[in-house]
PDB file of N, CA and C in Angstrom:
ATOM      1  N   UNK A   1      11.901 -13.398  20.014  1.00  0.00           N
ATOM      2  CA  UNK A   1      12.200 -12.072  19.458  1.00  0.00           C
ATOM      3  C   UNK A   1      11.397 -11.777  18.601  1.00  0.00           C
ATOM      4  N   UNK A   2      11.484 -10.414  18.278  1.00  0.00           N
ATOM      5  CA  UNK A   2      10.941  -9.750  16.922  1.00  0.00           C
ATOM      6  C   UNK A   2      11.768  -8.419  16.339  1.00  0.00           C
ATOM      7  N   UNK A   3      11.417  -8.194  15.439  1.00  0.00           N
ATOM      8  CA  UNK A   3      12.218  -7.161  14.701  1.00  0.00           C
ATOM      9  C   UNK A   3      11.268  -6.137  13.870  1.00  0.00           C
ATOM     10  N   UNK A   4      11.757  -5.142  13.393  1.00  0.00           N
ATOM     11  CA  UNK A   4      10.639  -4.153  12.543  1.00  0.00           C
ATOM     12  C   UNK A   4      11.454  -4.060  11.473  1.00  0.00           C
ATOM     13  N   UNK A   5      11.095  -4.183  10.308  1.00  0.00           N
ATOM     14  CA  UNK A   5      11.666  -4.153   8.954  1.00  0.00           C
ATOM     15  C   UNK A   5      11.055  -2.853   8.238  1.00  0.00           C
ATOM     16  N   UNK A   6      11.664  -2.209   7.522  1.00  0.00           N
ATOM     17  CA  UNK A   6      11.328  -1.105   6.462  1.00  0.00           C
ATOM     18  C   UNK A   6      11.173  -1.343   5.151  1.00  0.00           C
ATOM     19  N   UNK A   7       9.664  -1.237   4.360  1.00  0.00           N
ATOM     20  CA  UNK A   7      10.086  -1.647   2.972  1.00  0.00           C
ATOM     21  C   UNK A   7       9.125  -0.679   2.127  1.00  0.00           C
ATOM     22  N   UNK A   8       9.877  -0.168   1.071  1.00  0.00           N
ATOM     23  CA  UNK A   8       9.079   0.614   0.289  1.00  0.00           C
ATOM     24  C   UNK A   8       8.130   0.273  -0.888  1.00  0.00           C
ATOM     25  N   UNK A   9       6.824   1.002  -0.716  1.00  0.00           N
ATOM     26  CA  UNK A   9       5.947   0.695  -1.414  1.00  0.00           C
ATOM     27  C   UNK A   9       5.805   1.478  -2.882  1.00  0.00           C
ATOM     28  N   UNK A  10       5.743   0.730  -3.982  1.00  0.00           N
ATOM     29  CA  UNK A  10       5.467   1.545  -5.379  1.00  0.00           C
ATOM     30  C   UNK A  10       4.189   2.080  -5.499  1.00  0.00           C
ATOM     31  N   UNK A  11       4.249   3.380  -5.639  1.00  0.00           N
ATOM     32  CA  UNK A  11       2.957   3.843  -5.869  1.00  0.00           C
ATOM     33  C   UNK A  11       2.469   3.469  -7.427  1.00  0.00           C
ATOM     34  N   UNK A  12       1.125   3.383  -7.983  1.00  0.00           N
ATOM     35  CA  UNK A  12       0.406   3.031  -8.928  1.00  0.00           C
ATOM     36  C   UNK A  12      -0.482   2.018  -8.895  1.00  0.00           C
ATOM     37  N   UNK A  13      -1.172   1.434  -9.691  1.00  0.00           N
ATOM     38  CA  UNK A  13      -2.059   0.408  -9.828  1.00  0.00           C
ATOM     39  C   UNK A  13      -1.512  -0.757  -9.232  1.00  0.00           C
ATOM     40  N   UNK A  14      -0.288  -1.307  -9.585  1.00  0.00           N
ATOM     41  CA  UNK A  14      -0.043  -2.425  -9.434  1.00  0.00           C
ATOM     42  C   UNK A  14       0.447  -2.789  -8.054  1.00  0.00           C
ATOM     43  N   UNK A  15       0.063  -3.674  -7.211  1.00  0.00           N
ATOM     44  CA  UNK A  15       0.530  -3.726  -5.984  1.00  0.00           C
ATOM     45  C   UNK A  15       2.136  -4.157  -5.652  1.00  0.00           C
ATOM     46  N   UNK A  16       2.460  -3.727  -4.436  1.00  0.00           N
ATOM     47  CA  UNK A  16       3.936  -4.161  -4.031  1.00  0.00           C
ATOM     48  C   UNK A  16       3.851  -5.441  -3.491  1.00  0.00           C
ATOM     49  N   UNK A  17       4.542  -6.468  -3.799  1.00  0.00           N
ATOM     50  CA  UNK A  17       4.773  -7.775  -3.189  1.00  0.00           C
ATOM     51  C   UNK A  17       5.577  -7.841  -2.430  1.00  0.00           C
ATOM     52  N   UNK A  18       5.353  -8.324  -0.958  1.00  0.00           N
ATOM     53  CA  UNK A  18       6.616  -8.296  -0.166  1.00  0.00           C
ATOM     54  C   UNK A  18       6.371  -9.832   0.561  1.00  0.00           C
ATOM     55  N   UNK A  19       7.437 -10.470   0.968  1.00  0.00           N
ATOM     56  CA  UNK A  19       7.788 -11.807   1.428  1.00  0.00           C
ATOM     57  C   UNK A  19       7.572 -11.405   3.238  1.00  0.00           C
ATOM     58  N   UNK A  20       6.843 -11.950   3.912  1.00  0.00           N
ATOM     59  CA  UNK A  20       6.739 -11.590   5.219  1.00  0.00           C
ATOM     60  C   UNK A  20       6.419 -12.823   6.139  1.00  0.00           C
ATOM     61  N   UNK A  21       6.969 -12.963   7.421  1.00  0.00           N
ATOM     62  CA  UNK A  21       6.753 -13.700   8.128  1.00  0.00           C
ATOM     63  C   UNK A  21       5.627 -13.830   8.545  1.00  0.00           C
ATOM     64  N   UNK A  22       4.965 -15.089   8.960  1.00  0.00           N
ATOM     65  CA  UNK A  22       3.713 -15.286   9.529  1.00  0.00           C
ATOM     66  C   UNK A  22       3.595 -14.889  11.025  1.00  0.00           C
ATOM     67  N   UNK A  23       2.427 -14.096  11.323  1.00  0.00           N
ATOM     68  CA  UNK A  23       2.377 -13.470  12.525  1.00  0.00           C
ATOM     69  C   UNK A  23       3.037 -11.820  12.415  1.00  0.00           C
ATOM     70  N   UNK A  24       3.092 -11.423  11.192  1.00  0.00           N
ATOM     71  CA  UNK A  24       3.550 -10.068  11.046  1.00  0.00           C
ATOM     72  C   UNK A  24       2.373  -9.028  11.383  1.00  0.00           C
ATOM     73  N   UNK A  25       3.088  -7.640  11.706  1.00  0.00           N
ATOM     74  CA  UNK A  25       1.828  -6.847  11.792  1.00  0.00           C
ATOM     75  C   UNK A  25       2.722  -5.547  11.624  1.00  0.00           C
ATOM     76  N   UNK A  26       1.549  -4.809  10.497  1.00  0.00           N
ATOM     77  CA  UNK A  26       2.048  -3.434  10.018  1.00  0.00           C
ATOM     78  C   UNK A  26       1.898  -2.346  11.338  1.00  0.00           C
ATOM     79  N   UNK A  27       3.065  -1.603  11.382  1.00  0.00           N
ATOM     80  CA  UNK A  27       3.079  -0.943  12.739  1.00  0.00           C
ATOM     81  C   UNK A  27       3.299   0.503  12.255  1.00  0.00           C
ATOM     82  N   UNK A  28       3.648   1.083  11.021  1.00  0.00           N
ATOM     83  CA  UNK A  28       3.592   2.545  10.762  1.00  0.00           C
ATOM     84  C   UNK A  28       3.781   2.405   8.792  1.00  0.00           C
ATOM     85  N   UNK A  29       3.264   3.510   8.465  1.00  0.00           N
ATOM     86  CA  UNK A  29       3.574   3.865   7.141  1.00  0.00           C
ATOM     87  C   UNK A  29       3.805   5.291   6.927  1.00  0.00           C
ATOM     88  N   UNK A  30       4.532   5.859   6.193  1.00  0.00           N
ATOM     89  CA  UNK A  30       4.944   7.219   6.303  1.00  0.00           C
ATOM     90  C   UNK A  30       5.624   7.427   4.880  1.00  0.00           C
ATOM     91  N   UNK A  31       5.393   8.707   4.471  1.00  0.00           N
ATOM     92  CA  UNK A  31       5.700   9.246   3.075  1.00  0.00           C
ATOM     93  C   UNK A  31       7.312   9.972   3.676  1.00  0.00           C
ATOM     94  N   UNK A  32       8.366   9.381   2.906  1.00  0.00           N
ATOM     95  CA  UNK A  32       9.614  10.133   3.036  1.00  0.00           C
ATOM     96  C   UNK A  32       9.784  11.069   2.007  1.00  0.00           C
ATOM     97  N   UNK A  33       9.794  12.450   2.289  1.00  0.00           N
ATOM     98  CA  UNK A  33       9.827  13.394   1.211  1.00  0.00           C
ATOM     99  C   UNK A  33      11.142  13.372   0.402  1.00  0.00           C
ATOM    100  N   UNK A  34      12.652  13.068   0.788  1.00  0.00           N
ATOM    101  CA  UNK A  34      13.691  13.003   0.088  1.00  0.00           C
ATOM    102  C   UNK A  34      13.331  11.940  -1.022  1.00  0.00           C
ATOM    103  N   UNK A  35      12.738  10.881  -0.756  1.00  0.00           N
ATOM    104  CA  UNK A  35      12.622   9.726  -1.664  1.00  0.00           C
ATOM    105  C   UNK A  35      11.268   9.825  -2.368  1.00  0.00           C
ATOM    106  N   UNK A  36      10.597  11.093  -2.099  1.00  0.00           N
ATOM    107  CA  UNK A  36       9.178  10.791  -2.629  1.00  0.00           C
ATOM    108  C   UNK A  36       8.294   9.352  -2.528  1.00  0.00           C
ATOM    109  N   UNK A  37       8.429   8.794  -1.571  1.00  0.00           N
ATOM    110  CA  UNK A  37       7.788   7.355  -1.818  1.00  0.00           C
ATOM    111  C   UNK A  37       7.188   6.982  -0.453  1.00  0.00           C
ATOM    112  N   UNK A  38       6.363   6.161  -0.512  1.00  0.00           N
ATOM    113  CA  UNK A  38       5.431   5.629   0.727  1.00  0.00           C
ATOM    114  C   UNK A  38       6.204   4.513   1.271  1.00  0.00           C
ATOM    115  N   UNK A  39       6.756   4.407   2.566  1.00  0.00           N
ATOM    116  CA  UNK A  39       7.336   3.385   3.259  1.00  0.00           C
ATOM    117  C   UNK A  39       6.269   2.657   4.267  1.00  0.00           C
ATOM    118  N   UNK A  40       6.587   1.461   4.361  1.00  0.00           N
ATOM    119  CA  UNK A  40       5.687   0.705   5.386  1.00  0.00           C
ATOM    120  C   UNK A  40       6.600  -0.258   6.403  1.00  0.00           C
ATOM    121  N   UNK A  41       6.353   0.125   7.726  1.00  0.00           N
ATOM    122  CA  UNK A  41       7.259  -0.496   8.630  1.00  0.00           C
ATOM    123  C   UNK A  41       6.314  -1.656   9.150  1.00  0.00           C
ATOM    124  N   UNK A  42       6.948  -3.080   9.149  1.00  0.00           N
ATOM    125  CA  UNK A  42       6.587  -3.994   9.457  1.00  0.00           C
ATOM    126  C   UNK A  42       6.992  -4.944  10.462  1.00  0.00           C
ATOM    127  N   UNK A  43       6.312  -5.122  11.766  1.00  0.00           N
ATOM    128  CA  UNK A  43       6.900  -6.067  12.819  1.00  0.00           C
ATOM    129  C   UNK A  43       6.702  -7.422  12.447  1.00  0.00           C
ATOM    130  N   UNK A  44       7.945  -8.489  12.559  1.00  0.00           N
ATOM    131  CA  UNK A  44       7.872  -9.690  12.265  1.00  0.00           C
ATOM    132  C   UNK A  44       8.631 -10.427  13.480  1.00  0.00           C
ATOM    133  N   UNK A  45       7.838 -11.602  13.739  1.00  0.00           N
ATOM    134  CA  UNK A  45       8.345 -12.701  14.837  1.00  0.00           C
ATOM    135  C   UNK A  45      10.069 -13.003  14.056  1.00  0.00           C
ATOM    136  N   UNK A  46      11.139 -13.168  14.933  1.00  0.00           N
ATOM    137  CA  UNK A  46      12.337 -13.870  14.445  1.00  0.00           C
ATOM    138  C   UNK A  46      12.323 -15.311  15.168  1.00  0.00           C
ATOM    139  N   UNK A  47      11.461 -15.991  14.246  1.00  0.00           N
ATOM    140  CA  UNK A  47      11.578 -17.535  14.606  1.00  0.00           C
ATOM    141  C   UNK A  47      12.435 -18.398  13.750  1.00  0.00           C
ATOM    142  N   UNK A  48      13.254 -19.339  14.164  1.00  0.00           N
ATOM    143  CA  UNK A  48      13.827 -19.983  13.265  1.00  0.00           C
ATOM    144  C   UNK A  48      12.702 -20.944  12.454  1.00  0.00           C
ATOM    145  N   UNK A  49      13.169 -21.007  11.234  1.00  0.00           N
ATOM    146  CA  UNK A  49      11.981 -21.673  10.481  1.00  0.00           C
ATOM    147  C   UNK A  49      10.407 -21.061  10.200  1.00  0.00           C
ATOM    148  N   UNK A  50      10.529 -19.927  10.613  1.00  0.00           N
ATOM    149  CA  UNK A  50       9.098 -19.364  10.343  1.00  0.00           C
ATOM    150  C   UNK A  50       8.810 -19.491   9.041  1.00  0.00           C
ATOM    151  N   UNK A  51       7.616 -19.477   8.774  1.00  0.00           N
ATOM    152  CA  UNK A  51       6.862 -19.421   7.431  1.00  0.00           C
ATOM    153  C   UNK A  51       6.818 -18.193   6.806  1.00  0.00           C
ATOM    154  N   UNK A  52       7.231 -17.905   5.497  1.00  0.00           N
ATOM    155  CA  UNK A  52       7.029 -16.581   5.195  1.00  0.00           C
ATOM    156  C   UNK A  52       6.012 -16.706   3.872  1.00  0.00           C
ATOM    157  N   UNK A  53       5.179 -15.702   3.592  1.00  0.00           N
ATOM    158  CA  UNK A  53       4.322 -15.921   2.813  1.00  0.00           C
ATOM    159  C   UNK A  53       4.352 -14.376   1.675  1.00  0.00           C
ATOM    160  N   UNK A  54       3.890 -14.716   0.641  1.00  0.00           N
ATOM    161  CA  UNK A  54       3.931 -13.481  -0.178  1.00  0.00           C
ATOM    162  C   UNK A  54       2.361 -12.403   0.100  1.00  0.00           C
ATOM    163  N   UNK A  55       2.865 -11.328   0.571  1.00  0.00           N
ATOM    164  CA  UNK A  55       1.595 -10.229   0.623  1.00  0.00           C
ATOM    165  C   UNK A  55       1.750  -9.085  -0.127  1.00  0.00           C
ATOM    166  N   UNK A  56       0.541  -8.480  -0.663  1.00  0.00           N
ATOM    167  CA  UNK A  56       0.587  -7.697  -1.695  1.00  0.00           C
ATOM    168  C   UNK A  56       0.068  -6.446  -1.157  1.00  0.00           C
ATOM    169  N   UNK A  57       0.544  -5.138  -1.437  1.00  0.00           N
ATOM    170  CA  UNK A  57      -0.044  -3.902  -0.791  1.00  0.00           C
ATOM    171  C   UNK A  57      -0.087  -2.942  -1.738  1.00  0.00           C
ATOM    172  N   UNK A  58      -1.184  -2.003  -1.872  1.00  0.00           N
ATOM    173  CA  UNK A  58      -1.683  -0.942  -2.832  1.00  0.00           C
ATOM    174  C   UNK A  58      -1.584   0.265  -2.359  1.00  0.00           C
ATOM    175  N   UNK A  59      -1.053   1.419  -2.756  1.00  0.00           N
ATOM    176  CA  UNK A  59      -1.325   2.617  -2.324  1.00  0.00           C
ATOM    177  C   UNK A  59      -2.079   3.260  -3.245  1.00  0.00           C
ATOM    178  N   UNK A  60      -2.965   3.931  -2.572  1.00  0.00           N
ATOM    179  CA  UNK A  60      -3.980   4.527  -3.231  1.00  0.00           C
ATOM    180  C   UNK A  60      -4.269   5.954  -2.652  1.00  0.00           C
ATOM    181  N   UNK A  61      -4.461   7.306  -3.839  1.00  0.00           N
ATOM    182  CA  UNK A  61      -4.917   8.233  -3.155  1.00  0.00           C
ATOM    183  C   UNK A  61      -6.141   8.532  -2.482  1.00  0.00           C
ATOM    184  N   UNK A  62      -6.429   9.732  -1.901  1.00  0.00           N
ATOM    185  CA  UNK A  62      -7.722   9.981  -1.017  1.00  0.00           C
ATOM    186  C   UNK A  62      -8.724  10.159  -2.199  1.00  0.00           C
ATOM    187  N   UNK A  63      -9.918   9.452  -2.048  1.00  0.00           N
ATOM    188  CA  UNK A  63     -10.762   9.576  -2.901  1.00  0.00           C
ATOM    189  C   UNK A  63     -10.925   8.379  -4.002  1.00  0.00           C
ATOM    190  N   UNK A  64      -9.757   7.821  -4.231  1.00  0.00           N
ATOM    191  CA  UNK A  64      -9.632   6.640  -5.220  1.00  0.00           C
ATOM    192  C   UNK A  64     -10.325   5.518  -4.757  1.00  0.00           C
ATOM    193  N   UNK A  65     -11.253   5.157  -5.468  1.00  0.00           N
ATOM    194  CA  UNK A  65     -11.928   3.798  -4.844  1.00  0.00           C
ATOM    195  C   UNK A  65     -10.926   2.307  -5.142  1.00  0.00           C
ATOM    196  N   UNK A  66     -11.149   1.590  -4.113  1.00  0.00           N
ATOM    197  CA  UNK A  66     -10.431   0.408  -3.909  1.00  0.00           C
ATOM    198  C   UNK A  66     -11.636  -0.580  -3.538  1.00  0.00           C
ATOM    199  N   UNK A  67     -11.455  -1.956  -4.174  1.00  0.00           N
ATOM    200  CA  UNK A  67     -12.393  -2.911  -3.866  1.00  0.00           C
ATOM    201  C   UNK A  67     -12.838  -3.040  -2.225  1.00  0.00           C
ATOM    202  N   UNK A  68     -13.963  -3.664  -1.928  1.00  0.00           N
ATOM    203  CA  UNK A  68     -14.443  -3.642  -0.518  1.00  0.00           C
ATOM    204  C   UNK A  68     -13.487  -4.513   0.369  1.00  0.00           C
ATOM    205  N   UNK A  69     -13.063  -5.575  -0.368  1.00  0.00           N
ATOM    206  CA  UNK A  69     -12.161  -6.478   0.239  1.00  0.00           C
ATOM    207  C   UNK A  69     -10.717  -6.406   0.164  1.00  0.00           C
ATOM    208  N   UNK A  70     -10.184  -5.088   0.098  1.00  0.00           N
ATOM    209  CA  UNK A  70      -9.051  -4.603   0.410  1.00  0.00           C
ATOM    210  C   UNK A  70      -8.989  -4.200   1.988  1.00  0.00           C
ATOM    211  N   UNK A  71      -7.874  -4.568   2.654  1.00  0.00           N
ATOM    212  CA  UNK A  71      -7.856  -4.268   3.993  1.00  0.00           C
ATOM    213  C   UNK A  71      -6.701  -3.025   4.472  1.00  0.00           C
ATOM    214  N   UNK A  72      -7.681  -2.223   4.986  1.00  0.00           N
ATOM    215  CA  UNK A  72      -6.795  -0.718   5.465  1.00  0.00           C
ATOM    216  C   UNK A  72      -5.626  -0.927   6.042  1.00  0.00           C
ATOM    217  N   UNK A  73      -4.530  -0.685   5.855  1.00  0.00           N
ATOM    218  CA  UNK A  73      -3.363  -0.704   6.864  1.00  0.00           C
ATOM    219  C   UNK A  73      -2.827   0.346   7.474  1.00  0.00           C
ATOM    220  N   UNK A  74      -2.909   1.801   6.617  1.00  0.00           N
ATOM    221  CA  UNK A  74      -2.741   2.951   7.104  1.00  0.00           C
ATOM    222  C   UNK A  74      -2.698   4.194   6.226  1.00  0.00           C
ATOM    223  N   UNK A  75      -2.143   5.187   6.676  1.00  0.00           N
ATOM    224  CA  UNK A  75      -2.239   6.440   5.872  1.00  0.00           C
ATOM    225  C   UNK A  75      -0.953   7.280   6.129  1.00  0.00           C
ATOM    226  N   UNK A  76      -0.349   7.587   4.807  1.00  0.00           N
ATOM    227  CA  UNK A  76       1.062   8.128   5.029  1.00  0.00           C
ATOM    228  C   UNK A  76       0.939   9.887   4.098  1.00  0.00           C
ATOM    229  N   UNK A  77       1.124  11.028   4.814  1.00  0.00           N
ATOM    230  CA  UNK A  77       0.683  12.383   4.403  1.00  0.00           C
ATOM    231  C   UNK A  77       2.298  12.732   4.031  1.00  0.00           C
ATOM    232  N   UNK A  78       1.860  13.640   2.839  1.00  0.00           N
ATOM    233  CA  UNK A  78       3.075  14.283   2.012  1.00  0.00           C
ATOM    234  C   UNK A  78       3.506  15.608   3.076  1.00  0.00           C
ATOM    235  N   UNK A  79       3.947  15.960   4.015  1.00  0.00           N
ATOM    236  CA  UNK A  79       3.916  17.320   4.458  1.00  0.00           C
ATOM    237  C   UNK A  79       4.045  18.365   4.092  1.00  0.00           C
ATOM    238  N   UNK A  80       4.773  18.661   2.639  1.00  0.00           N
ATOM    239  CA  UNK A  80       5.083  19.639   1.919  1.00  0.00           C
ATOM    240  C   UNK A  80       3.897  19.601   0.614  1.00  0.00           C
ATOM    241  N   UNK A  81       3.045  18.867   0.490  1.00  0.00           N
ATOM    242  CA  UNK A  81       2.086  18.613  -0.576  1.00  0.00           C
ATOM    243  C   UNK A  81       0.563  18.565  -0.086  1.00  0.00           C
ATOM    244  N   UNK A  82      -0.216  18.543  -1.001  1.00  0.00           N
ATOM    245  CA  UNK A  82      -1.830  17.916  -0.698  1.00  0.00           C
ATOM    246  C   UNK A  82      -2.225  16.551  -0.585  1.00  0.00           C
ATOM    247  N   UNK A  83      -1.288  16.057  -0.672  1.00  0.00           N
ATOM    248  CA  UNK A  83      -1.643  14.422  -1.154  1.00  0.00           C
ATOM    249  C   UNK A  83      -1.469  13.605  -0.043  1.00  0.00           C
ATOM    250  N   UNK A  84      -2.527  12.963   0.470  1.00  0.00           N
ATOM    251  CA  UNK A  84      -2.223  11.605   1.579  1.00  0.00           C
ATOM    252  C   UNK A  84      -2.637  10.092   0.782  1.00  0.00           C
ATOM    253  N   UNK A  85      -1.591   9.420   1.120  1.00  0.00           N
ATOM    254  CA  UNK A  85      -1.593   8.025   0.188  1.00  0.00           C
ATOM    255  C   UNK A  85      -2.089   6.959   1.457  1.00  0.00           C
ATOM    256  N   UNK A  86      -3.109   6.195   1.181  1.00  0.00           N
ATOM    257  CA  UNK A  86      -3.636   5.381   1.957  1.00  0.00           C
ATOM    258  C   UNK A  86      -3.173   4.017   1.356  1.00  0.00           C
ATOM    259  N   UNK A  87      -2.595   3.300   2.449  1.00  0.00           N
ATOM    260  CA  UNK A  87      -2.186   1.684   2.253  1.00  0.00           C
ATOM    261  C   UNK A  87      -3.172   0.613   2.336  1.00  0.00           C
ATOM    262  N   UNK A  88      -3.415   0.000   1.644  1.00  0.00           N
ATOM    263  CA  UNK A  88      -4.459  -1.354   1.264  1.00  0.00           C
ATOM    264  C   UNK A  88      -3.460  -2.443   1.485  1.00  0.00           C
ATOM    265  N   UNK A  89      -4.185  -3.887   1.993  1.00  0.00           N
ATOM    266  CA  UNK A  89      -3.310  -4.861   1.841  1.00  0.00           C
ATOM    267  C   UNK A  89      -4.343  -5.823   0.857  1.00  0.00           C
ATOM    268  N   UNK A  90      -4.028  -6.180  -0.111  1.00  0.00           N
ATOM    269  CA  UNK A  90      -4.611  -6.899  -1.488  1.00  0.00           C
ATOM    270  C   UNK A  90      -4.712  -8.380  -0.756  1.00  0.00           C
ATOM    271  N   UNK A  91      -6.054  -8.862  -0.415  1.00  0.00           N
ATOM    272  CA  UNK A  91      -6.235 -10.166  -0.173  1.00  0.00           C
ATOM    273  C   UNK A  91      -5.524 -11.107  -1.424  1.00  0.00           C
ATOM    274  N   UNK A  92      -5.057 -12.379  -0.637  1.00  0.00           N
ATOM    275  CA  UNK A  92      -4.647 -13.401  -1.566  1.00  0.00           C
ATOM    276  C   UNK A  92      -5.526 -13.716  -2.868  1.00  0.00           C
ATOM    277  N   UNK A  93      -4.961 -13.819  -3.959  1.00  0.00           N
ATOM    278  CA  UNK A  93      -5.795 -14.002  -5.049  1.00  0.00           C
ATOM    279  C   UNK A  93      -6.510 -13.115  -5.858  1.00  0.00           C
ATOM    280  N   UNK A  94      -6.342 -11.821  -5.504  1.00  0.00           N
ATOM    281  CA  UNK A  94      -6.910 -10.826  -5.929  1.00  0.00           C
ATOM    282  C   UNK A  94      -5.987  -9.890  -6.691  1.00  0.00           C
ATOM    283  N   UNK A  95      -4.758 -10.088  -6.860  1.00  0.00           N
ATOM    284  CA  UNK A  95      -3.549  -9.132  -7.233  1.00  0.00           C
ATOM    285  C   UNK A  95      -3.824  -8.873  -8.725  1.00  0.00           C
ATOM    286  N   UNK A  96      -4.124  -9.598  -9.727  1.00  0.00           N
ATOM    287  CA  UNK A  96      -4.534  -9.332 -11.046  1.00  0.00           C
ATOM    288  C   UNK A  96      -5.833  -8.507 -11.103  1.00  0.00           C
ATOM    289  N   UNK A  97      -6.707  -8.605 -10.301  1.00  0.00           N
ATOM    290  CA  UNK A  97      -7.914  -8.076 -10.556  1.00  0.00           C
ATOM    291  C   UNK A  97      -7.680  -6.533 -10.013  1.00  0.00           C
ATOM    292  N   UNK A  98      -6.895  -6.344  -9.280  1.00  0.00           N
ATOM    293  CA  UNK A  98      -6.451  -4.801  -8.791  1.00  0.00           C
ATOM    294  C   UNK A  98      -5.788  -4.100 -10.192  1.00  0.00           C
ATOM    295  N   UNK A  99      -5.110  -4.870 -10.779  1.00  0.00           N
ATOM    296  CA  UNK A  99      -4.381  -3.742 -11.795  1.00  0.00           C
ATOM    297  C   UNK A  99      -5.512  -3.635 -12.958  1.00  0.00           C
ATOM    298  N   UNK A 100      -6.240  -4.580 -13.300  1.00  0.00           N
ATOM    299  CA  UNK A 100      -7.428  -4.572 -14.366  1.00  0.00           C
ATOM    300  C   UNK A 100      -8.425  -3.558 -13.944  1.00  0.00           C
ATOM    301  N   UNK A 101      -8.637  -3.698 -12.694  1.00  0.00           N
ATOM    302  CA  UNK A 101      -9.713  -2.474 -12.382  1.00  0.00           C
ATOM    303  C   UNK A 101      -9.459  -1.159 -12.255  1.00  0.00           C
ATOM    304  N   UNK A 102      -8.158  -1.119 -11.871  1.00  0.00           N
ATOM    305  CA  UNK A 102      -7.807   0.280 -11.582  1.00  0.00           C
ATOM    306  C   UNK A 102      -7.436   1.011 -12.801  1.00  0.00           C
ATOM    307  N   UNK A 103      -7.026  -0.021 -14.180  1.00  0.00           N
ATOM    308  CA  UNK A 103      -6.791   0.644 -15.163  1.00  0.00           C
ATOM    309  C   UNK A 103      -8.170   1.147 -16.145  1.00  0.00           C
ATOM    310  N   UNK A 104      -9.057   0.783 -15.406  1.00  0.00           N
ATOM    311  CA  UNK A 104     -10.388   1.417 -16.301  1.00  0.00           C
ATOM    312  C   UNK A 104     -10.583   2.891 -15.589  1.00  0.00           C
ATOM    313  N   UNK A 105      -9.909   3.563 -14.824  1.00  0.00           N
ATOM    314  CA  UNK A 105     -10.070   4.707 -14.287  1.00  0.00           C
ATOM    315  C   UNK A 105      -9.024   5.313 -14.649  1.00  0.00           C
ATOM    316  N   UNK A 106      -9.124   6.808 -14.788  1.00  0.00           N
ATOM    317  CA  UNK A 106      -7.875   7.896 -14.803  1.00  0.00           C
ATOM    318  C   UNK A 106      -7.808   8.536 -13.220  1.00  0.00           C
ATOM    319  N   UNK A 107      -6.665   7.862 -12.783  1.00  0.00           N
ATOM    320  CA  UNK A 107      -6.439   8.986 -11.485  1.00  0.00           C
ATOM    321  C   UNK A 107      -5.403   9.557 -11.473  1.00  0.00           C
ATOM    322  N   UNK A 108      -4.612   9.965 -12.690  1.00  0.00           N
ATOM    323  CA  UNK A 108      -3.276  10.417 -12.600  1.00  0.00           C
ATOM    324  C   UNK A 108      -3.145  11.860 -11.721  1.00  0.00           C
ATOM    325  N   UNK A 109      -2.293  11.824 -11.013  1.00  0.00           N
ATOM    326  CA  UNK A 109      -2.090  13.211 -10.265  1.00  0.00           C
ATOM    327  C   UNK A 109      -2.789  13.065  -9.036  1.00  0.00           C
ATOM    328  N   UNK A 110      -3.766  12.098  -8.864  1.00  0.00           N
ATOM    329  CA  UNK A 110      -4.681  12.275  -7.695  1.00  0.00           C
ATOM    330  C   UNK A 110      -5.694  13.172  -7.769  1.00  0.00           C
ATOM    331  N   UNK A 111      -5.927  13.561  -9.084  1.00  0.00           N
ATOM    332  CA  UNK A 111      -7.071  14.605  -9.043  1.00  0.00           C
ATOM    333  C   UNK A 111      -8.227  13.875 -10.270  1.00  0.00           C
ATOM    334  N   UNK A 112      -8.706  12.881  -9.634  1.00  0.00           N
ATOM    335  CA  UNK A 112      -9.640  12.493 -10.498  1.00  0.00           C
ATOM    336  C   UNK A 112     -11.020  12.865 -10.388  1.00  0.00           C
ATOM    337  N   UNK A 113     -11.209  13.388  -9.140  1.00  0.00           N
ATOM    338  CA  UNK A 113     -12.680  14.279  -9.143  1.00  0.00           C
ATOM    339  C   UNK A 113     -12.684  15.462 -10.316  1.00  0.00           C
ATOM    340  N   UNK A 114     -11.586  16.085 -10.506  1.00  0.00           N
ATOM    341  CA  UNK A 114     -11.676  17.113 -11.536  1.00  0.00           C
ATOM    342  C   UNK A 114     -12.510  16.675 -13.019  1.00  0.00           C
ATOM    343  N   UNK A 115     -11.977  15.318 -13.280  1.00  0.00           N
ATOM    344  CA  UNK A 115     -12.619  14.839 -14.427  1.00  0.00           C
ATOM    345  C   UNK A 115     -13.767  14.411 -14.636  1.00  0.00           C
ATOM    346  N   UNK A 116     -14.342  13.999 -13.283  1.00  0.00           N
ATOM    347  CA  UNK A 116     -15.999  13.582 -13.136  1.00  0.00           C
ATOM    348  C   UNK A 116     -16.793  14.859 -13.127  1.00  0.00           C
ATOM    349  N   UNK A 117     -16.172  15.899 -12.364  1.00  0.00           N
ATOM    350  CA  UNK A 117     -17.095  17.250 -12.222  1.00  0.00           C
ATOM    351  C   UNK A 117     -17.208  17.944 -13.528  1.00  0.00           C
ATOM    352  N   UNK A 118     -16.547  17.620 -14.840  1.00  0.00           N
ATOM    353  CA  UNK A 118     -16.848  18.379 -15.968  1.00  0.00           C
ATOM    354  C   UNK A 118     -18.148  17.602 -16.559  1.00  0.00           C
TER     355      UNK A 118
END
């Protein structure tokens, strides 16, 4: 048997940590307007004694650079705004690198291109 769980992802430079069962699969991500948040739906096996492991997911704006090693998992669109949110899985062991490399850039409000054009 298997099930699908819904998880809220925190926006920002710090990845969200989720404890997931071995054999999980991301099936959907969506921006929920009333919550103003990105959610991730994950299919997981329902096996007695199934191993779980921490996985880290990072939400990035369109045009915001992320390391090549990050694995794209989906895009969530704000239906009433111009923003698109892209969900990446951060490889094991790179969580601290994610926060420090992102802090070197100013992406506030998703308009980082404006500051580079000046």
